[in-house]
Amino acid sequence: MSATKETCAVASLCVYNVPEVFDQDEDGQVEVLDAEPPADLHQAVRTAARACPTRSIHIETP
């Protein structure tokens, strides 16, 4: 999983949905805390990625 800071709109939806995986830097842009979260968070991460208004969160599937 990765995130593109350049397109982040600072909506914070990812942080609100999965604070164990996402945070914000000093400018408010998305930071990925855990690029390989545990299986019990996968659905929440997918939901956060879909909720991102700029599609700045990218989930790579094997």
Protein backbone atom coordinates (compact mmCIF):
# COMPACT_ATOMS: atom_id res chain seq x y z
CA MET A 1 0.00 0.00 0.00
CA SER A 2 1.15 3.51 -0.71
CA ALA A 3 -0.18 7.05 -0.70
CA THR A 4 0.50 10.01 -2.95
CA LYS A 5 1.05 13.11 -0.83
CA GLU A 6 1.02 15.40 -3.87
CA THR A 7 -2.64 14.65 -4.57
CA CYS A 8 -3.81 14.41 -0.94
CA ALA A 9 -6.66 16.87 -0.28
CA VAL A 10 -6.21 16.69 3.51
CA ALA A 11 -9.74 15.37 3.98
CA SER A 12 -8.48 13.14 6.84
CA LEU A 13 -11.02 10.39 6.09
CA CYS A 14 -8.30 7.75 6.03
CA VAL A 15 -7.01 8.81 9.44
CA TYR A 16 -10.49 8.81 10.94
CA ASN A 17 -11.27 5.39 9.45
CA VAL A 18 -8.01 3.57 10.22
CA PRO A 19 -5.72 5.52 12.57
CA GLU A 20 -3.64 2.38 13.08
CA VAL A 21 -2.57 2.58 9.41
CA PHE A 22 -2.80 6.26 8.40
CA ASP A 23 -1.65 9.53 9.90
CA GLN A 24 -0.99 13.05 8.69
CA ASP A 25 2.32 14.87 8.41
CA GLU A 26 2.91 18.43 9.64
CA ASP A 27 1.19 19.75 6.49
CA GLY A 28 -1.84 17.52 7.03
CA GLN A 29 -1.06 15.20 4.14
CA VAL A 30 -1.47 11.45 4.35
CA GLU A 31 1.27 9.23 5.76
CA VAL A 32 1.13 5.45 5.75
CA LEU A 33 2.15 4.11 9.16
CA ASP A 34 1.78 0.45 8.26
CA ALA A 35 2.11 -0.49 4.58
CA GLU A 36 1.28 -4.12 5.41
CA PRO A 37 -1.48 -3.98 8.02
CA PRO A 38 -2.84 -7.12 9.66
CA ALA A 39 -5.64 -8.99 7.93
CA ASP A 40 -8.28 -7.75 10.36
CA LEU A 41 -7.72 -4.19 9.05
CA HIS A 42 -7.78 -4.99 5.32
CA GLN A 43 -11.47 -4.19 4.85
CA ALA A 44 -11.15 -0.91 6.75
CA VAL A 45 -8.14 0.07 4.62
CA ARG A 46 -10.06 -0.70 1.43
CA THR A 47 -12.96 1.40 2.70
CA ALA A 48 -10.60 4.27 3.51
CA ALA A 49 -9.03 4.05 0.04
CA ARG A 50 -12.47 4.17 -1.61
CA ALA A 51 -13.48 7.13 0.58
CA CYS A 52 -10.41 9.17 -0.41
CA PRO A 53 -11.76 12.04 -2.54
CA THR A 54 -8.56 12.26 -4.60
CA ARG A 55 -7.80 8.53 -4.78
CA SER A 56 -4.41 9.17 -3.17
CA ILE A 57 -4.33 5.79 -1.41
CA HIS A 58 -3.17 2.89 -3.54
CA ILE A 59 -3.57 -0.76 -2.59
CA GLU A 60 -1.38 -3.23 -4.43
CA THR A 61 -2.85 -6.69 -4.65
CA PRO A 62 -0.63 -9.73 -5.19
